Amino acid sequence: MKIDKQLISKLEHLARLELSEEEAVRLAGDLNRILEMVEKLQELDTSETAPLVYINEDVNVLREDKVEGQVSREEALRNAPDHDDEHFRAPKVIDL
């Protein structure tokens, strides 16, 4: 696959870019070099290579989830600037 001026124009439109002629030529060259590198990688024989699932053997050690340090509703609402008996009140931020 070769990157041509028509493809660059389409990509420019999709990305909402406005490229100068020089930038478009430079971008086409860069993209063509990237495709050449990928094609070169396709030539490698990977039939004997196992797929990489994890980069290292480390395992996350996670703590058990347990509820601690709860406060009562009254304590939580005590310092609220505005509340009713059950909920915090906040100003409306989305106008639907």
N, C-alpha and C. Protein backbone atom coordinates (compact mmCIF):
# COMPACT_ATOMS: atom_id res chain seq x y z
N MET A 1 0.85 -1.18 0.00
CA MET A 1 0.00 0.00 0.00
C MET A 1 0.89 1.24 0.00
N LYS A 2 0.61 2.14 -0.88
CA LYS A 2 1.35 3.39 -0.95
C LYS A 2 0.44 4.54 -0.51
N ILE A 3 1.03 5.45 0.20
CA ILE A 3 0.30 6.64 0.63
C ILE A 3 0.41 7.67 -0.50
N ASP A 4 -0.73 8.08 -1.03
CA ASP A 4 -0.72 9.07 -2.10
C ASP A 4 -1.41 10.36 -1.65
N LYS A 5 -1.43 11.33 -2.54
CA LYS A 5 -1.99 12.63 -2.20
C LYS A 5 -3.49 12.54 -1.88
N GLN A 6 -4.20 11.64 -2.57
CA GLN A 6 -5.63 11.47 -2.33
C GLN A 6 -5.89 10.95 -0.91
N LEU A 7 -5.10 9.98 -0.46
CA LEU A 7 -5.25 9.44 0.89
C LEU A 7 -4.92 10.49 1.94
N ILE A 8 -3.85 11.25 1.70
CA ILE A 8 -3.48 12.33 2.63
C ILE A 8 -4.61 13.34 2.73
N SER A 9 -5.23 13.67 1.61
CA SER A 9 -6.35 14.61 1.60
C SER A 9 -7.52 14.07 2.42
N LYS A 10 -7.80 12.78 2.28
CA LYS A 10 -8.90 12.16 3.04
C LYS A 10 -8.59 12.15 4.53
N LEU A 11 -7.34 11.80 4.89
CA LEU A 11 -6.94 11.81 6.30
C LEU A 11 -6.99 13.21 6.87
N GLU A 12 -6.58 14.18 6.07
CA GLU A 12 -6.61 15.58 6.50
C GLU A 12 -8.05 15.99 6.82
N HIS A 13 -8.99 15.58 5.98
CA HIS A 13 -10.40 15.90 6.21
C HIS A 13 -10.92 15.21 7.47
N LEU A 14 -10.61 13.90 7.61
CA LEU A 14 -11.11 13.14 8.76
C LEU A 14 -10.55 13.68 10.08
N ALA A 15 -9.30 14.13 10.07
CA ALA A 15 -8.67 14.63 11.29
C ALA A 15 -8.92 16.12 11.48
N ARG A 16 -9.67 16.71 10.57
CA ARG A 16 -9.98 18.15 10.64
C ARG A 16 -8.70 18.98 10.70
N LEU A 17 -7.76 18.64 9.81
CA LEU A 17 -6.50 19.36 9.71
C LEU A 17 -6.47 20.21 8.45
N GLU A 18 -5.63 21.20 8.47
CA GLU A 18 -5.37 21.99 7.28
C GLU A 18 -3.86 21.98 7.08
N LEU A 19 -3.39 21.11 6.18
CA LEU A 19 -1.96 20.96 5.95
C LEU A 19 -1.53 21.76 4.74
N SER A 20 -0.35 22.35 4.85
CA SER A 20 0.22 23.00 3.68
C SER A 20 0.71 21.90 2.73
N GLU A 21 1.04 22.27 1.51
CA GLU A 21 1.53 21.29 0.53
C GLU A 21 2.81 20.62 1.04
N GLU A 22 3.68 21.41 1.65
CA GLU A 22 4.94 20.87 2.19
C GLU A 22 4.68 19.87 3.32
N GLU A 23 3.74 20.20 4.21
CA GLU A 23 3.41 19.30 5.32
C GLU A 23 2.78 18.00 4.80
N ALA A 24 1.94 18.12 3.77
CA ALA A 24 1.30 16.93 3.20
C ALA A 24 2.34 16.01 2.57
N VAL A 25 3.30 16.57 1.87
CA VAL A 25 4.36 15.77 1.25
C VAL A 25 5.20 15.09 2.33
N ARG A 26 5.54 15.85 3.37
CA ARG A 26 6.35 15.29 4.47
C ARG A 26 5.57 14.18 5.20
N LEU A 27 4.28 14.39 5.43
CA LEU A 27 3.45 13.38 6.09
C LEU A 27 3.35 12.11 5.25
N ALA A 28 3.18 12.27 3.95
CA ALA A 28 3.12 11.11 3.06
C ALA A 28 4.42 10.32 3.12
N GLY A 29 5.54 11.01 3.14
CA GLY A 29 6.84 10.33 3.24
C GLY A 29 6.97 9.59 4.55
N ASP A 30 6.56 10.23 5.66
CA ASP A 30 6.64 9.59 6.98
C ASP A 30 5.76 8.35 7.03
N LEU A 31 4.54 8.46 6.53
CA LEU A 31 3.62 7.32 6.56
C LEU A 31 4.12 6.18 5.67
N ASN A 32 4.71 6.51 4.52
CA ASN A 32 5.27 5.48 3.65
C ASN A 32 6.43 4.76 4.33
N ARG A 33 7.28 5.49 5.05
CA ARG A 33 8.39 4.86 5.78
C ARG A 33 7.86 3.94 6.88
N ILE A 34 6.79 4.35 7.56
CA ILE A 34 6.19 3.50 8.60
C ILE A 34 5.66 2.22 7.98
N LEU A 35 4.97 2.33 6.86
CA LEU A 35 4.45 1.13 6.19
C LEU A 35 5.57 0.22 5.72
N GLU A 36 6.69 0.78 5.27
CA GLU A 36 7.83 -0.03 4.85
C GLU A 36 8.39 -0.81 6.04
N MET A 37 8.46 -0.16 7.21
CA MET A 37 8.94 -0.85 8.41
C MET A 37 8.01 -2.00 8.79
N VAL A 38 6.72 -1.78 8.71
CA VAL A 38 5.76 -2.82 9.04
C VAL A 38 5.88 -3.98 8.05
N GLU A 39 6.04 -3.67 6.77
CA GLU A 39 6.22 -4.72 5.76
C GLU A 39 7.49 -5.52 6.03
N LYS A 40 8.53 -4.85 6.46
CA LYS A 40 9.78 -5.54 6.78
C LYS A 40 9.57 -6.49 7.96
N LEU A 41 8.79 -6.05 8.95
CA LEU A 41 8.50 -6.91 10.09
C LEU A 41 7.68 -8.13 9.67
N GLN A 42 6.85 -7.99 8.65
CA GLN A 42 6.03 -9.10 8.17
C GLN A 42 6.90 -10.22 7.60
N GLU A 43 8.13 -9.89 7.19
CA GLU A 43 9.03 -10.89 6.61
C GLU A 43 9.63 -11.82 7.66
N LEU A 44 9.58 -11.42 8.93
CA LEU A 44 10.18 -12.23 9.99
C LEU A 44 9.41 -13.53 10.20
N ASP A 45 10.16 -14.61 10.46
CA ASP A 45 9.54 -15.89 10.76
C ASP A 45 9.26 -15.95 12.26
N THR A 46 8.00 -15.90 12.61
CA THR A 46 7.61 -15.92 14.03
C THR A 46 6.91 -17.22 14.40
N SER A 47 7.03 -18.24 13.56
CA SER A 47 6.33 -19.50 13.81
C SER A 47 6.82 -20.18 15.09
N GLU A 48 8.06 -19.97 15.47
CA GLU A 48 8.63 -20.60 16.68
C GLU A 48 8.49 -19.71 17.91
N THR A 49 7.90 -18.54 17.76
CA THR A 49 7.82 -17.58 18.86
C THR A 49 6.46 -17.66 19.53
N ALA A 50 6.51 -17.81 20.85
CA ALA A 50 5.27 -17.85 21.62
C ALA A 50 4.71 -16.44 21.76
N PRO A 51 3.41 -16.30 21.73
CA PRO A 51 2.83 -14.96 21.91
C PRO A 51 3.15 -14.41 23.30
N LEU A 52 3.37 -13.11 23.36
CA LEU A 52 3.67 -12.45 24.63
C LEU A 52 2.36 -12.06 25.29
N VAL A 53 2.08 -12.68 26.43
CA VAL A 53 0.86 -12.37 27.15
C VAL A 53 1.15 -11.31 28.22
N TYR A 54 2.22 -11.54 28.97
CA TYR A 54 2.61 -10.60 30.02
C TYR A 54 4.08 -10.23 29.82
N ILE A 55 4.42 -9.00 30.09
CA ILE A 55 5.80 -8.56 29.92
C ILE A 55 6.69 -9.14 31.00
N ASN A 56 6.19 -9.24 32.21
CA ASN A 56 6.99 -9.81 33.29
C ASN A 56 6.15 -10.79 34.10
N GLU A 57 6.79 -11.44 35.04
CA GLU A 57 6.11 -12.49 35.82
C GLU A 57 5.47 -11.94 37.10
N ASP A 58 5.56 -10.64 37.33
CA ASP A 58 5.00 -10.06 38.56
C ASP A 58 3.49 -10.25 38.60
N VAL A 59 2.99 -10.42 39.80
CA VAL A 59 1.56 -10.57 40.02
C VAL A 59 1.13 -9.48 40.99
N ASN A 60 0.02 -8.84 40.70
CA ASN A 60 -0.48 -7.82 41.61
C ASN A 60 -0.96 -8.48 42.90
N VAL A 61 -0.52 -7.92 44.01
CA VAL A 61 -0.99 -8.39 45.31
C VAL A 61 -1.97 -7.34 45.80
N LEU A 62 -3.22 -7.72 45.83
CA LEU A 62 -4.27 -6.78 46.21
C LEU A 62 -4.78 -7.12 47.60
N ARG A 63 -5.08 -6.08 48.35
CA ARG A 63 -5.63 -6.32 49.68
C ARG A 63 -7.10 -6.68 49.56
N GLU A 64 -7.61 -7.33 50.57
CA GLU A 64 -9.02 -7.67 50.59
C GLU A 64 -9.83 -6.40 50.81
N ASP A 65 -10.92 -6.29 50.11
CA ASP A 65 -11.80 -5.14 50.24
C ASP A 65 -12.63 -5.29 51.50
N LYS A 66 -12.45 -4.37 52.45
CA LYS A 66 -13.30 -4.41 53.64
C LYS A 66 -13.65 -2.98 54.04
N VAL A 67 -14.83 -2.84 54.56
CA VAL A 67 -15.35 -1.53 54.94
C VAL A 67 -14.73 -1.14 56.27
N GLU A 68 -14.14 0.07 56.29
CA GLU A 68 -13.53 0.58 57.53
C GLU A 68 -13.82 2.06 57.65
N GLY A 69 -13.80 2.56 58.84
CA GLY A 69 -13.89 3.99 59.09
C GLY A 69 -15.16 4.65 58.61
N GLN A 70 -16.28 4.00 58.80
CA GLN A 70 -17.54 4.60 58.38
C GLN A 70 -17.97 5.67 59.38
N VAL A 71 -18.66 6.67 58.84
CA VAL A 71 -19.26 7.69 59.71
C VAL A 71 -20.77 7.59 59.54
N SER A 72 -21.47 8.02 60.54
CA SER A 72 -22.93 7.99 60.46
C SER A 72 -23.41 9.08 59.50
N ARG A 73 -24.64 8.96 59.05
CA ARG A 73 -25.20 9.95 58.15
C ARG A 73 -25.21 11.33 58.80
N GLU A 74 -25.55 11.38 60.07
CA GLU A 74 -25.60 12.67 60.77
C GLU A 74 -24.22 13.31 60.81
N GLU A 75 -23.18 12.51 61.09
CA GLU A 75 -21.82 13.06 61.12
C GLU A 75 -21.38 13.55 59.75
N ALA A 76 -21.76 12.82 58.71
CA ALA A 76 -21.37 13.22 57.36
C ALA A 76 -22.07 14.51 56.96
N LEU A 77 -23.34 14.66 57.32
CA LEU A 77 -24.10 15.84 56.93
C LEU A 77 -23.81 17.05 57.81
N ARG A 78 -23.19 16.83 58.95
CA ARG A 78 -22.96 17.90 59.92
C ARG A 78 -22.19 19.08 59.30
N ASN A 79 -21.18 18.84 58.51
CA ASN A 79 -20.36 19.91 57.94
C ASN A 79 -20.75 20.28 56.51
N ALA A 80 -21.82 19.71 56.00
CA ALA A 80 -22.24 20.02 54.63
C ALA A 80 -22.83 21.42 54.59
N PRO A 81 -22.48 22.19 53.58
CA PRO A 81 -23.03 23.54 53.50
C PRO A 81 -24.53 23.57 53.28
N ASP A 82 -25.07 22.55 52.60
CA ASP A 82 -26.51 22.51 52.37
C ASP A 82 -26.93 21.04 52.32
N HIS A 83 -27.95 20.69 53.08
CA HIS A 83 -28.42 19.30 53.10
C HIS A 83 -29.83 19.26 53.65
N ASP A 84 -30.52 18.15 53.37
CA ASP A 84 -31.77 17.88 54.06
C ASP A 84 -31.45 16.80 55.09
N ASP A 85 -32.42 16.10 55.58
CA ASP A 85 -32.14 15.12 56.63
C ASP A 85 -31.43 13.87 56.11
N GLU A 86 -31.44 13.67 54.79
CA GLU A 86 -30.87 12.44 54.24
C GLU A 86 -29.77 12.64 53.20
N HIS A 87 -29.75 13.77 52.49
CA HIS A 87 -28.87 13.93 51.33
C HIS A 87 -28.10 15.24 51.36
N PHE A 88 -26.95 15.23 50.71
CA PHE A 88 -26.23 16.47 50.43
C PHE A 88 -26.99 17.19 49.32
N ARG A 89 -26.99 18.50 49.36
CA ARG A 89 -27.58 19.29 48.28
C ARG A 89 -26.45 20.04 47.58
N ALA A 90 -26.52 20.05 46.26
CA ALA A 90 -25.51 20.75 45.47
C ALA A 90 -26.22 21.56 44.41
N PRO A 91 -25.60 22.64 43.95
CA PRO A 91 -26.24 23.43 42.90
C PRO A 91 -26.31 22.63 41.60
N LYS A 92 -27.33 22.90 40.82
CA LYS A 92 -27.52 22.23 39.54
C LYS A 92 -26.41 22.71 38.59
N VAL A 93 -25.75 21.77 37.94
CA VAL A 93 -24.66 22.13 37.04
C VAL A 93 -24.95 21.80 35.58
N ILE A 94 -25.93 20.96 35.34
CA ILE A 94 -26.30 20.62 33.97
C ILE A 94 -27.73 21.05 33.75
N ASP A 95 -27.93 21.85 32.72
CA ASP A 95 -29.27 22.34 32.42
C ASP A 95 -29.81 21.52 31.26
N LEU A 96 -30.80 20.69 31.51
CA LEU A 96 -31.36 19.85 30.45
C LEU A 96 -32.57 20.45 29.83
